[in-house]
């Protein structure tokens, strides 16, 4: 008996060695031989699970890890491996369950904290994911993977310096990593160091010419350089190499829409529904998603998506599906509910926090473009399709003083957590130079303010009523008291224009598809005047032109 155990251990050690050498066939053969002799050898099931994981056969890997856990449910490694397999199968609840069980058995494994971070990041819990990545590094300072994830997350949220710090650390630990090189190229793109980015991407391409993320980074580079044809070409190359990556399809969708290639653009944009956020959203609805069926006598539940500004603008497309014989229910985040109840094409507006109503079909708001076979050239923009609630308008009138001034609302920045906000925001001190007359009174319309910005507002006698704003209905009532709104591309721009208020938009050269048509875009509101940058990050000409128009 002792000799048999010794032989099994020797065989297991040999299988482990073969696995480390990626000789998967030999490792599998030995594992199967061990289990034929001892079908209760938990380590062998765990090793087989790792073998299948290396081949991305995660369903089979899960089965093997589960057998190991069934034999020893207090083994931290088995639990971690099973949780990780569930992560790759996108069973995030089970993944976190088993990873936390592993943590309970052994809370000093850096790989475990990294894997928990992966799950949390995938379900959108970014702050907790970052905390777990940082703790993994604390346990193992030379652990490369968390540096890469922290760097890409920092880049995603516009923290360029932080991104560079983490990604350079990752690159020093993994100097041969193509992903590390590409991510540093992305940092240089956001810093507008295009020549350095080109050198890094060319180096990456020479080493690995069939890696999709390199072509995706090239597409981003050409987007920033204003070379839309090259952007689309490299988006297509990324998709050719990784056809099931939703991000690559979304990227080409936006590039195509900017060229008015609407049918293919919106078809590609449907790939966003393959991302976790949308999968999670759609899983809540048991009835079918609308795909162009006749809606006569039916109830369509429309789920708002993306940022507040997108919702305010794209609710116009409800008129494409609204008829006298159907019912449209619009489901939005709570701050928008009261305001959007004034929308003429929604029979009912509910909060995402409300119980789901009776409905026949559901659909994400922007998917209406694709399934209604929307033609951008035929779309007629609406003017003043939203109304500030009368009761709020009356209450806000008393707060606007003095009435004999020319009252201008200003907003210089959007969500500072978004990476592209860096390219659309204008420094507040520069916007304040637009007060060219004592007859002008500025009102702040920006919700998120730094301490420095608050001091600037006070020192320039800018009235800040935003602390009293509780919802978009309040903001709408405030805007209705103003003569003009001057803003960057944020929800404030869309709200003011949807109310029919005159809006002067300070538009970045790095613009999206809604503002790219030279002869006036259907999604440019009738009351909106656009002042576009000539050169990225340089606002001098924009502010000069606005100043001239204010003086007239």
Protein backbone atom coordinates (compact mmCIF):
# COMPACT_ATOMS: atom_id res chain seq x y z
CA UNK A 1 0.00 0.00 0.00
CA UNK A 2 2.81 2.39 0.95
CA UNK A 3 4.55 1.62 -2.38
CA UNK A 4 1.34 2.36 -4.32
CA UNK A 5 0.96 5.74 -2.55
CA UNK A 6 4.58 6.51 -3.31
CA UNK A 7 4.05 5.64 -7.00
CA UNK A 8 0.97 7.88 -7.17
CA UNK A 9 2.90 10.74 -5.63
CA UNK A 10 5.74 10.23 -8.07
CA UNK A 11 3.28 10.12 -10.95
CA UNK A 12 1.56 13.26 -9.70
CA UNK A 13 4.90 15.08 -9.45
CA UNK A 14 5.70 14.01 -13.02
CA UNK A 15 2.29 15.24 -14.24
CA UNK A 16 2.91 18.56 -12.47
CA UNK A 17 6.27 18.85 -14.21
CA UNK A 18 4.74 18.12 -17.60
CA UNK A 19 2.05 20.74 -16.96
CA UNK A 20 4.68 23.35 -16.06
CA UNK A 21 6.41 22.55 -19.35
CA UNK A 22 3.03 22.86 -21.15
CA UNK A 23 3.23 19.22 -22.22
CA UNK A 24 -0.51 18.98 -21.72
CA UNK A 25 -1.06 15.65 -23.43
CA UNK A 26 1.41 13.77 -21.23
CA UNK A 27 0.15 15.54 -18.11
CA UNK A 28 -3.44 14.57 -18.90
CA UNK A 29 -2.52 10.93 -19.59
CA UNK A 30 -0.77 10.61 -16.22
CA UNK A 31 -3.63 12.32 -14.35
CA UNK A 32 -6.13 9.91 -15.86
CA UNK A 33 -3.90 6.96 -14.88
CA UNK A 34 -3.69 8.23 -11.28
CA UNK A 35 -7.48 8.59 -11.04
CA UNK A 36 -7.96 5.10 -12.43
CA UNK A 37 -5.99 3.83 -9.43
CA UNK A 38 -7.29 6.35 -6.88
CA UNK A 39 -10.48 8.16 -7.92
CA UNK A 40 -10.36 10.18 -4.67
CA UNK A 41 -7.05 11.93 -5.33
CA UNK A 42 -8.12 15.58 -4.98
CA UNK A 43 -4.80 17.06 -6.08
CA UNK A 44 -5.10 15.31 -9.41
CA UNK A 45 -8.58 16.72 -10.06
CA UNK A 46 -7.19 20.15 -9.24
CA UNK A 47 -4.27 19.60 -11.61
CA UNK A 48 -6.62 18.48 -14.38
CA UNK A 49 -8.65 21.64 -13.80
CA UNK A 50 -5.52 23.73 -14.25
CA UNK A 51 -4.71 21.80 -17.42
CA UNK A 52 -8.13 22.58 -18.92
CA UNK A 53 -7.81 26.21 -17.79
CA UNK A 54 -4.58 26.56 -19.76
CA UNK A 55 -6.56 25.54 -22.84
CA UNK A 56 -9.44 27.91 -21.98
CA UNK A 57 -11.78 24.96 -21.48
CA UNK A 58 -13.24 26.54 -18.39
CA UNK A 59 -16.43 24.51 -18.25
CA UNK A 60 -14.42 21.29 -18.05
CA UNK A 61 -11.96 22.97 -15.68
CA UNK A 62 -14.84 23.91 -13.38
CA UNK A 63 -16.00 20.28 -13.24
CA UNK A 64 -12.53 19.07 -12.22
CA UNK A 65 -12.05 21.80 -9.61
CA UNK A 66 -15.53 21.02 -8.22
CA UNK A 67 -14.50 17.37 -7.75
CA UNK A 68 -11.41 18.48 -5.85
CA UNK A 69 -13.50 20.79 -3.63
CA UNK A 70 -16.01 17.98 -3.00
CA UNK A 71 -13.14 15.90 -1.61
CA UNK A 72 -11.64 18.75 0.44
CA UNK A 73 -13.80 21.83 0.84
CA UNK A 74 -11.32 23.57 3.13
CA UNK A 75 -8.42 23.61 0.66
CA UNK A 76 -7.76 27.27 -0.19
CA UNK A 77 -6.15 26.48 -3.56
CA UNK A 78 -9.01 24.29 -4.74
CA UNK A 79 -11.54 26.93 -3.74
CA UNK A 80 -9.57 29.69 -5.45
CA UNK A 81 -9.22 27.68 -8.67
CA UNK A 82 -12.95 26.86 -8.72
CA UNK A 83 -13.85 30.51 -8.12
CA UNK A 84 -11.51 31.60 -10.90
CA UNK A 85 -13.07 29.11 -13.33
CA UNK A 86 -16.50 30.50 -12.52
CA UNK A 87 -15.12 33.99 -13.22
CA UNK A 88 -14.04 33.01 -16.72
CA UNK A 89 -17.46 31.43 -17.28
CA UNK A 90 -18.98 34.79 -16.25
CA UNK A 91 -20.78 33.23 -13.28
CA UNK A 92 -19.70 36.11 -11.08
CA UNK A 93 -21.86 35.33 -8.04
CA UNK A 94 -20.40 31.83 -7.77
CA UNK A 95 -16.93 33.15 -8.51
CA UNK A 96 -16.97 35.59 -5.61
CA UNK A 97 -18.56 32.97 -3.33
CA UNK A 98 -15.73 30.48 -3.78
CA UNK A 99 -12.97 33.08 -3.82
CA UNK A 100 -14.17 34.45 -0.50
CA UNK A 101 -14.32 30.90 0.89
CA UNK A 102 -10.70 30.52 -0.19
CA UNK A 103 -9.82 33.79 1.52
CA UNK A 104 -11.38 32.48 4.73
CA UNK A 105 -9.02 29.51 4.62
CA UNK A 106 -5.90 31.50 3.69
CA UNK A 107 -5.93 35.29 3.54
CA UNK A 108 -2.30 35.78 2.54
CA UNK A 109 -2.33 34.64 -1.11
CA UNK A 110 -1.70 37.59 -3.48
CA UNK A 111 -3.14 35.74 -6.49
CA UNK A 112 -6.40 35.32 -4.58
CA UNK A 113 -6.74 39.08 -4.02
CA UNK A 114 -5.98 39.67 -7.69
CA UNK A 115 -8.68 37.21 -8.76
CA UNK A 116 -11.24 38.79 -6.43
CA UNK A 117 -10.29 42.12 -7.97
CA UNK A 118 -10.98 40.70 -11.44
CA UNK A 119 -14.49 39.67 -10.44
CA UNK A 120 -15.24 43.00 -8.79
CA UNK A 121 -13.94 44.89 -11.82
CA UNK A 122 -16.08 42.81 -14.15
CA UNK A 123 -19.27 43.60 -12.23
CA UNK A 124 -18.43 47.30 -12.12
CA UNK A 125 -17.31 47.57 -8.50
CA UNK A 126 -14.18 49.48 -9.48
CA UNK A 127 -13.16 51.00 -6.15
CA UNK A 128 -13.23 47.65 -4.35
CA UNK A 129 -11.41 46.01 -7.26
CA UNK A 130 -8.64 48.60 -7.01
CA UNK A 131 -8.37 47.97 -3.26
CA UNK A 132 -7.91 44.24 -3.82
CA UNK A 133 -5.32 44.83 -6.55
CA UNK A 134 -3.38 47.16 -4.24
CA UNK A 135 -3.48 44.61 -1.43
CA UNK A 136 -2.17 41.92 -3.78
CA UNK A 137 0.79 44.21 -4.50
CA UNK A 138 1.26 44.83 -0.77
CA UNK A 139 1.54 41.07 -0.23
CA UNK A 140 3.82 40.61 -3.24
CA UNK A 141 5.45 43.85 -4.46
CA UNK A 142 6.86 42.23 -7.60
CA UNK A 143 3.48 40.79 -8.66
CA UNK A 144 3.04 42.23 -12.15
CA UNK A 145 -0.62 41.61 -13.03
CA UNK A 146 -2.25 43.99 -10.50
CA UNK A 147 -0.05 46.84 -11.73
CA UNK A 148 -1.40 46.38 -15.24
CA UNK A 149 -5.03 46.33 -14.10
CA UNK A 150 -4.58 49.36 -11.85
CA UNK A 151 -2.93 51.18 -14.75
CA UNK A 152 -5.64 50.43 -17.28
CA UNK A 153 -8.35 51.40 -14.77
CA UNK A 154 -6.59 54.67 -13.98
CA UNK A 155 -6.40 55.38 -17.71
CA UNK A 156 -10.09 54.57 -18.12
CA UNK A 157 -10.97 57.14 -15.45
CA UNK A 158 -8.72 59.89 -16.72
CA UNK A 159 -5.93 59.60 -14.14
CA UNK A 160 -3.13 59.72 -16.65
CA UNK A 161 -0.22 60.21 -14.21
CA UNK A 162 -1.44 57.36 -12.03
CA UNK A 163 -1.89 55.16 -15.10
CA UNK A 164 1.64 55.86 -16.24
CA UNK A 165 3.04 55.01 -12.78
CA UNK A 166 1.35 51.60 -12.61
CA UNK A 167 1.96 50.71 -16.24
CA UNK A 168 5.64 51.58 -16.05
CA UNK A 169 5.91 49.34 -12.99
CA UNK A 170 4.19 46.56 -14.88
CA UNK A 171 6.51 47.05 -17.83
CA UNK A 172 9.58 46.88 -15.59
CA UNK A 173 8.34 43.59 -14.13
CA UNK A 174 7.24 42.21 -17.50
CA UNK A 175 9.57 43.83 -20.06
CA UNK A 176 8.53 41.35 -22.77
CA UNK A 177 4.80 41.96 -22.36
CA UNK A 178 3.16 43.25 -25.53
CA UNK A 179 0.10 44.30 -23.51
CA UNK A 180 2.35 46.43 -21.32
CA UNK A 181 3.86 48.13 -24.34
CA UNK A 182 0.45 48.77 -25.91
CA UNK A 183 -0.95 50.18 -22.67
CA UNK A 184 1.96 52.61 -22.39
CA UNK A 185 1.28 53.63 -25.99
CA UNK A 186 -2.32 54.38 -24.93
CA UNK A 187 -0.97 56.62 -22.17
CA UNK A 188 1.05 58.51 -24.75
CA UNK A 189 -2.00 58.87 -26.99
CA UNK A 190 -3.91 60.51 -24.13
CA UNK A 191 -0.90 62.74 -23.47
CA UNK A 192 -0.95 63.62 -27.20
CA UNK A 193 2.58 62.21 -27.55
CA UNK A 194 1.66 60.69 -30.90
CA UNK A 195 5.19 60.08 -32.19
CA UNK A 196 6.16 58.15 -29.07
CA UNK A 197 2.92 56.14 -29.29
CA UNK A 198 3.64 55.28 -32.93
CA UNK A 199 7.12 54.01 -32.03
CA UNK A 200 5.73 51.82 -29.25
CA UNK A 201 2.93 50.41 -31.40
CA UNK A 202 5.30 49.72 -34.30
CA UNK A 203 7.57 47.86 -31.87
CA UNK A 204 4.61 45.83 -30.57
CA UNK A 205 3.41 45.04 -34.10
CA UNK A 206 6.85 43.86 -35.18
CA UNK A 207 6.93 41.44 -32.27
CA UNK A 208 3.36 40.17 -32.51
CA UNK A 209 1.64 41.09 -35.79
CA UNK A 210 -1.56 39.18 -35.01
CA UNK A 211 -2.48 40.76 -31.67
CA UNK A 212 -5.81 42.56 -31.89
CA UNK A 213 -5.20 45.10 -29.11
CA UNK A 214 -2.33 46.63 -31.12
CA UNK A 215 -4.65 47.43 -34.03
CA UNK A 216 -7.27 48.76 -31.61
CA UNK A 217 -4.65 51.11 -30.14
CA UNK A 218 -3.69 52.24 -33.64
CA UNK A 219 -7.38 53.00 -34.28
CA UNK A 220 -7.45 55.12 -31.14
CA UNK A 221 -4.31 56.93 -32.28
CA UNK A 222 -5.85 57.75 -35.65
CA UNK A 223 -9.05 58.91 -33.95
CA UNK A 224 -7.06 61.42 -31.93
CA UNK A 225 -5.20 62.49 -35.07
CA UNK A 226 -8.49 63.07 -36.90
CA UNK A 227 -7.81 60.37 -39.52
CA UNK A 228 -11.19 58.68 -39.60
CA UNK A 229 -10.54 56.38 -42.58
CA UNK A 230 -7.44 54.93 -40.91
CA UNK A 231 -9.37 54.65 -37.66
CA UNK A 232 -12.03 52.49 -39.35
CA UNK A 233 -9.41 50.40 -41.17
CA UNK A 234 -7.62 49.52 -37.94
CA UNK A 235 -10.89 48.89 -36.11
CA UNK A 236 -11.70 46.31 -38.77
CA UNK A 237 -8.25 44.71 -38.39
CA UNK A 238 -8.80 44.37 -34.63
CA UNK A 239 -12.17 42.70 -35.24
CA UNK A 240 -10.66 40.35 -37.83
CA UNK A 241 -8.29 39.07 -35.15
CA UNK A 242 -10.74 39.04 -32.24
CA UNK A 243 -14.24 38.94 -33.67
CA UNK A 244 -16.01 38.33 -30.36
CA UNK A 245 -14.62 41.32 -28.47
CA UNK A 246 -17.53 43.73 -27.86
CA UNK A 247 -15.23 46.71 -27.27
CA UNK A 248 -13.77 46.49 -30.77
CA UNK A 249 -17.25 46.43 -32.31
CA UNK A 250 -18.39 49.41 -30.23
CA UNK A 251 -15.28 51.32 -31.31
CA UNK A 252 -15.96 50.76 -35.00
CA UNK A 253 -19.63 51.60 -34.47
CA UNK A 254 -18.74 55.08 -33.23
CA UNK A 255 -16.25 55.56 -36.06
CA UNK A 256 -18.83 54.51 -38.67
CA UNK A 257 -21.52 56.75 -37.20
CA UNK A 258 -19.14 59.68 -37.38
CA UNK A 259 -19.01 59.01 -41.15
CA UNK A 260 -22.83 58.80 -41.34
CA UNK A 261 -22.67 55.06 -42.07
CA UNK A 262 -25.67 54.58 -39.86
CA UNK A 263 -27.09 51.13 -40.56
CA UNK A 264 -23.78 49.29 -40.13
CA UNK A 265 -22.84 51.66 -37.31
CA UNK A 266 -25.92 50.92 -35.23
CA UNK A 267 -25.68 47.21 -36.04
CA UNK A 268 -22.13 47.18 -34.67
CA UNK A 269 -23.26 49.20 -31.66
CA UNK A 270 -25.56 46.35 -30.68
CA UNK A 271 -22.40 44.52 -29.58
CA UNK A 272 -22.44 46.64 -26.41
CA UNK A 273 -25.22 44.29 -25.26
CA UNK A 274 -22.56 41.57 -24.91
CA UNK A 275 -20.82 43.53 -22.15
CA UNK A 276 -21.48 42.52 -18.54
CA UNK A 277 -23.49 45.62 -17.63
CA UNK A 278 -25.96 44.97 -20.43
CA UNK A 279 -26.05 41.21 -19.91
CA UNK A 280 -26.92 41.84 -16.29
CA UNK A 281 -29.54 44.43 -17.27
CA UNK A 282 -31.20 42.26 -19.92
CA UNK A 283 -31.26 39.18 -17.68
CA UNK A 284 -33.86 40.92 -15.50
CA UNK A 285 -36.45 40.91 -18.26
CA UNK A 286 -38.32 37.69 -18.90
CA UNK A 287 -40.30 38.88 -21.91
CA UNK A 288 -38.65 39.36 -25.33
CA UNK A 289 -36.58 42.32 -26.44
CA UNK A 290 -38.26 44.32 -29.19
CA UNK A 291 -36.66 43.76 -32.59
CA UNK A 292 -38.96 45.66 -34.90
CA UNK A 293 -42.23 43.78 -34.32
CA UNK A 294 -45.59 45.53 -34.78
CA UNK A 295 -46.34 47.48 -31.60
CA UNK A 296 -50.03 48.13 -32.18
CA UNK A 297 -51.80 47.52 -28.90
CA UNK A 298 -48.52 46.66 -27.19
CA UNK A 299 -46.55 48.09 -24.27
CA UNK A 300 -42.88 48.82 -24.92
CA UNK A 301 -40.61 49.22 -21.89
CA UNK A 302 -37.61 51.38 -22.86
CA UNK A 303 -34.55 51.27 -20.64
CA UNK A 304 -32.47 54.44 -20.63
CA UNK A 305 -28.72 53.87 -20.85
CA UNK A 306 -25.36 55.63 -20.77
CA UNK A 307 -24.93 59.12 -19.31
CA UNK A 308 -27.60 61.63 -18.34
CA UNK A 309 -26.83 63.77 -21.39
CA UNK A 310 -27.27 60.81 -23.73
CA UNK A 311 -30.66 60.04 -22.21
CA UNK A 312 -31.81 63.65 -22.49
CA UNK A 313 -30.80 63.78 -26.14
CA UNK A 314 -31.78 60.33 -27.34
CA UNK A 315 -35.27 60.30 -25.83
CA UNK A 316 -36.16 62.15 -29.04
CA UNK A 317 -36.04 58.81 -30.84
CA UNK A 318 -39.05 57.56 -28.90
CA UNK A 319 -41.12 59.39 -31.49
CA UNK A 320 -39.91 56.76 -34.00
CA UNK A 321 -41.88 54.06 -32.18
CA UNK A 322 -44.66 55.99 -30.44
CA UNK A 323 -48.14 55.74 -31.99
CA UNK A 324 -51.64 56.39 -30.73
CA UNK A 325 -52.23 52.64 -30.46
CA UNK A 326 -49.28 51.65 -28.29
CA UNK A 327 -47.88 52.56 -24.89
CA UNK A 328 -44.29 53.62 -24.20
CA UNK A 329 -42.90 53.29 -20.67
CA UNK A 330 -39.51 54.92 -20.15
CA UNK A 331 -37.34 53.58 -17.30
CA UNK A 332 -34.63 56.00 -16.12
CA UNK A 333 -32.45 56.81 -13.11
CA UNK A 334 -34.23 58.66 -10.33
CA UNK A 335 -32.73 62.17 -10.91
CA UNK A 336 -34.33 62.25 -14.39
CA UNK A 337 -37.81 60.98 -13.56
CA UNK A 338 -39.64 64.22 -12.75
CA UNK A 339 -38.22 66.10 -15.72
CA UNK A 340 -38.80 63.35 -18.29
CA UNK A 341 -42.42 63.05 -17.30
CA UNK A 342 -42.86 66.14 -19.49
CA UNK A 343 -41.62 64.20 -22.54
CA UNK A 344 -44.39 64.02 -25.20
CA UNK A 345 -43.49 60.53 -26.49
CA UNK A 346 -43.52 58.65 -23.18
CA UNK A 347 -46.85 57.61 -21.71
CA UNK A 348 -45.22 56.80 -18.42
CA UNK A 349 -41.79 57.44 -16.87
CA UNK A 350 -40.59 55.28 -13.99
CA UNK A 351 -37.45 54.96 -11.92
CA UNK A 352 -35.03 52.03 -12.18
CA UNK A 353 -35.76 51.58 -8.49
CA UNK A 354 -39.47 50.93 -9.14
CA UNK A 355 -41.01 47.49 -9.53
CA UNK A 356 -41.11 46.44 -13.18
CA UNK A 357 -44.48 47.25 -14.78
CA UNK A 358 -46.56 45.10 -17.10
CA UNK A 359 -45.04 45.18 -20.61
CA UNK A 360 -44.96 43.19 -23.86
CA UNK A 361 -41.47 44.03 -25.10
CA UNK A 362 -38.43 45.76 -23.63
CA UNK A 363 -35.49 47.46 -25.35
CA UNK A 364 -32.43 49.54 -24.41
CA UNK A 365 -33.03 53.11 -25.59
CA UNK A 366 -30.25 53.32 -28.20
CA UNK A 367 -31.20 49.96 -29.75
CA UNK A 368 -34.30 51.72 -31.13
CA UNK A 369 -31.98 53.26 -33.73
CA UNK A 370 -31.11 49.86 -35.18
CA UNK A 371 -34.45 48.10 -34.96
CA UNK A 372 -36.40 51.05 -36.35
CA UNK A 373 -33.93 51.11 -39.30
CA UNK A 374 -33.13 54.71 -38.45
CA UNK A 375 -31.84 56.94 -41.25
CA UNK A 376 -29.93 59.83 -39.77
CA UNK A 377 -30.60 62.08 -42.76
CA UNK A 378 -34.36 61.79 -42.31
CA UNK A 379 -34.36 62.70 -38.64
CA UNK A 380 -35.79 66.08 -37.70
CA UNK A 381 -34.60 67.49 -34.37
CA UNK A 382 -37.11 68.74 -31.86
CA UNK A 383 -37.10 72.09 -30.11
CA UNK A 384 -38.21 72.52 -26.51
CA UNK A 385 -39.44 68.95 -26.15
CA UNK A 386 -38.90 69.03 -22.38
CA UNK A 387 -40.52 71.38 -19.87
CA UNK A 388 -39.40 72.44 -16.43
CA UNK A 389 -42.19 71.73 -13.93
CA UNK A 390 -44.18 74.95 -13.43
CA UNK A 391 -44.08 74.76 -9.63
CA UNK A 392 -40.29 74.59 -9.65
CA UNK A 393 -39.98 77.40 -12.19
CA UNK A 394 -41.96 79.66 -9.86
CA UNK A 395 -39.83 78.77 -6.83
CA UNK A 396 -36.55 79.31 -8.68
CA UNK A 397 -37.58 82.73 -9.98
CA UNK A 398 -37.01 84.21 -6.54
CA UNK A 399 -33.42 82.94 -6.49
CA UNK A 400 -32.31 84.69 -9.67
CA UNK A 401 -31.16 88.21 -8.86
CA UNK A 402 -30.67 90.78 -10.24
CA UNK A 403 -33.23 90.43 -13.01
CA UNK A 404 -31.91 93.41 -14.98
CA UNK A 405 -28.64 91.62 -15.76
CA UNK A 406 -27.91 89.37 -18.75
CA UNK A 407 -27.80 86.05 -16.87
CA UNK A 408 -25.51 83.37 -18.29
CA UNK A 409 -25.13 79.83 -16.98
CA UNK A 410 -21.65 78.34 -17.34
CA UNK A 411 -20.39 74.76 -17.16
CA UNK A 412 -16.72 74.07 -17.83
CA UNK A 413 -16.39 70.35 -17.16
CA UNK A 414 -18.29 67.10 -17.17
CA UNK A 415 -17.72 64.00 -15.09
CA UNK A 416 -14.05 64.24 -14.08
CA UNK A 417 -13.93 60.44 -13.72
CA UNK A 418 -14.23 59.97 -17.49
CA UNK A 419 -10.99 59.78 -19.43
CA UNK A 420 -12.21 61.94 -22.31
CA UNK A 421 -13.28 64.70 -19.92
CA UNK A 422 -9.67 65.89 -20.08
CA UNK A 423 -10.25 66.81 -23.71
CA UNK A 424 -13.64 68.48 -23.36
CA UNK A 425 -13.17 70.53 -20.17
CA UNK A 426 -12.14 74.18 -20.26
CA UNK A 427 -10.30 75.80 -17.36
CA UNK A 428 -12.74 77.84 -15.30
CA UNK A 429 -10.44 80.87 -15.08
CA UNK A 430 -10.43 81.07 -18.89
CA UNK A 431 -14.22 80.91 -19.15
CA UNK A 432 -14.51 83.66 -16.56
CA UNK A 433 -12.73 86.00 -18.99
CA UNK A 434 -15.96 85.93 -21.02
CA UNK A 435 -17.53 88.32 -18.54
CA UNK A 436 -16.82 91.29 -20.79
CA UNK A 437 -19.44 93.60 -19.31
CA UNK A 438 -20.77 94.54 -15.89
CA UNK A 439 -24.19 93.80 -17.31
CA UNK A 440 -23.32 90.08 -17.42
CA UNK A 441 -24.01 87.88 -14.40
CA UNK A 442 -22.60 84.36 -14.41
CA UNK A 443 -24.37 81.42 -12.75
CA UNK A 444 -22.52 78.18 -12.13
CA UNK A 445 -24.22 75.08 -13.58
CA UNK A 446 -21.42 72.63 -12.81
CA UNK A 447 -22.16 70.12 -10.07
CA UNK A 448 -18.66 68.77 -9.37
CA UNK A 449 -16.28 71.53 -8.29
CA UNK A 450 -12.76 71.39 -6.89
CA UNK A 451 -11.85 73.61 -3.91
CA UNK A 452 -9.88 75.85 -6.29
CA UNK A 453 -12.89 76.21 -8.59
CA UNK A 454 -15.13 77.12 -5.66
CA UNK A 455 -12.69 79.86 -4.67
CA UNK A 456 -12.61 81.17 -8.25
CA UNK A 457 -16.41 81.35 -8.37
CA UNK A 458 -16.50 83.31 -5.14
CA UNK A 459 -13.72 85.72 -6.11
CA UNK A 460 -15.42 86.48 -9.47
CA UNK A 461 -18.91 86.94 -7.97
CA UNK A 462 -20.29 83.93 -9.84
CA UNK A 463 -23.57 82.87 -8.24
CA UNK A 464 -23.55 79.17 -7.35
CA UNK A 465 -27.01 77.73 -6.71
CA UNK A 466 -26.12 74.11 -7.53
CA UNK A 467 -25.99 73.07 -3.84
CA UNK A 468 -29.77 73.63 -3.83
CA UNK A 469 -30.35 71.43 -6.88
CA UNK A 470 -31.92 68.07 -6.02
CA UNK A 471 -32.76 66.74 -9.49
CA UNK A 472 -32.63 67.56 -13.18
CA UNK A 473 -36.08 69.13 -12.81
CA UNK A 474 -34.51 71.66 -10.43
CA UNK A 475 -31.66 72.31 -12.88
CA UNK A 476 -34.20 72.77 -15.68
CA UNK A 477 -36.14 75.31 -13.62
CA UNK A 478 -32.90 77.18 -12.89
CA UNK A 479 -31.88 77.21 -16.57
CA UNK A 480 -35.27 78.61 -17.58
CA UNK A 481 -34.43 81.78 -15.61
CA UNK A 482 -31.25 82.37 -17.65
CA UNK A 483 -30.74 84.23 -20.92
CA UNK A 484 -28.00 81.96 -22.24
CA UNK A 485 -26.02 78.83 -21.35
CA UNK A 486 -22.33 78.49 -22.28
CA UNK A 487 -21.08 74.97 -21.67
CA UNK A 488 -18.87 72.12 -22.74
CA UNK A 489 -20.44 68.89 -24.01
CA UNK A 490 -22.18 67.66 -20.86
CA UNK A 491 -25.67 66.85 -19.66
CA UNK A 492 -26.13 70.58 -19.05
CA UNK A 493 -25.75 71.24 -22.79
CA UNK A 494 -28.40 68.66 -23.67
CA UNK A 495 -30.75 69.75 -20.91
CA UNK A 496 -30.65 73.44 -21.85
CA UNK A 497 -31.12 72.68 -25.56
CA UNK A 498 -33.95 70.21 -24.90
CA UNK A 499 -35.69 72.99 -22.96
CA UNK A 500 -35.36 75.25 -26.01
CA UNK A 501 -32.91 77.56 -24.25
CA UNK A 502 -30.13 79.17 -26.30
CA UNK A 503 -26.92 77.18 -25.80
CA UNK A 504 -23.39 77.96 -26.93
CA UNK A 505 -21.43 74.73 -26.95
CA UNK A 506 -17.65 74.75 -26.53
CA UNK A 507 -16.83 71.64 -28.54
CA UNK A 508 -13.59 69.66 -28.43
CA UNK A 509 -11.92 68.70 -31.69
CA UNK A 510 -12.18 65.14 -30.39
CA UNK A 511 -15.91 65.10 -31.04
CA UNK A 512 -18.41 62.27 -31.20
CA UNK A 513 -20.62 61.23 -34.09
CA UNK A 514 -23.49 63.55 -33.14
CA UNK A 515 -21.55 66.67 -34.12
CA UNK A 516 -19.50 65.71 -37.15
CA UNK A 517 -21.58 66.62 -40.18
CA UNK A 518 -20.28 69.80 -41.82
CA UNK A 519 -23.63 71.14 -42.97
CA UNK A 520 -25.44 70.77 -39.69
CA UNK A 521 -26.22 67.49 -37.95
CA UNK A 522 -29.74 66.25 -37.23
CA UNK A 523 -28.78 65.84 -33.59
CA UNK A 524 -27.61 69.44 -33.32
CA UNK A 525 -30.45 71.17 -31.50
CA UNK A 526 -32.16 74.14 -33.20
CA UNK A 527 -31.15 76.46 -30.34
CA UNK A 528 -27.55 75.26 -30.10
CA UNK A 529 -24.58 77.15 -31.54
CA UNK A 530 -21.34 75.15 -31.73
CA UNK A 531 -17.88 76.66 -31.27
CA UNK A 532 -15.35 74.01 -32.29
CA UNK A 533 -11.66 73.74 -31.49
CA UNK A 534 -9.23 74.04 -34.39
CA UNK A 535 -6.57 72.15 -32.44
CA UNK A 536 -7.04 69.59 -29.70
CA UNK A 537 -6.74 70.96 -26.14
CA UNK A 538 -6.48 74.57 -27.34
CA UNK A 539 -9.50 76.71 -26.49
CA UNK A 540 -8.18 80.16 -27.41
CA UNK A 541 -10.05 80.51 -30.71
CA UNK A 542 -13.26 79.16 -29.18
CA UNK A 543 -13.22 81.64 -26.32
CA UNK A 544 -12.26 84.51 -28.63
CA UNK A 545 -15.19 83.81 -30.95
CA UNK A 546 -17.62 83.53 -28.05
CA UNK A 547 -16.31 86.80 -26.64
CA UNK A 548 -16.87 88.53 -29.98
CA UNK A 549 -20.42 87.20 -30.22
CA UNK A 550 -21.21 88.28 -26.67
CA UNK A 551 -20.05 91.79 -27.51
CA UNK A 552 -22.50 92.11 -30.39
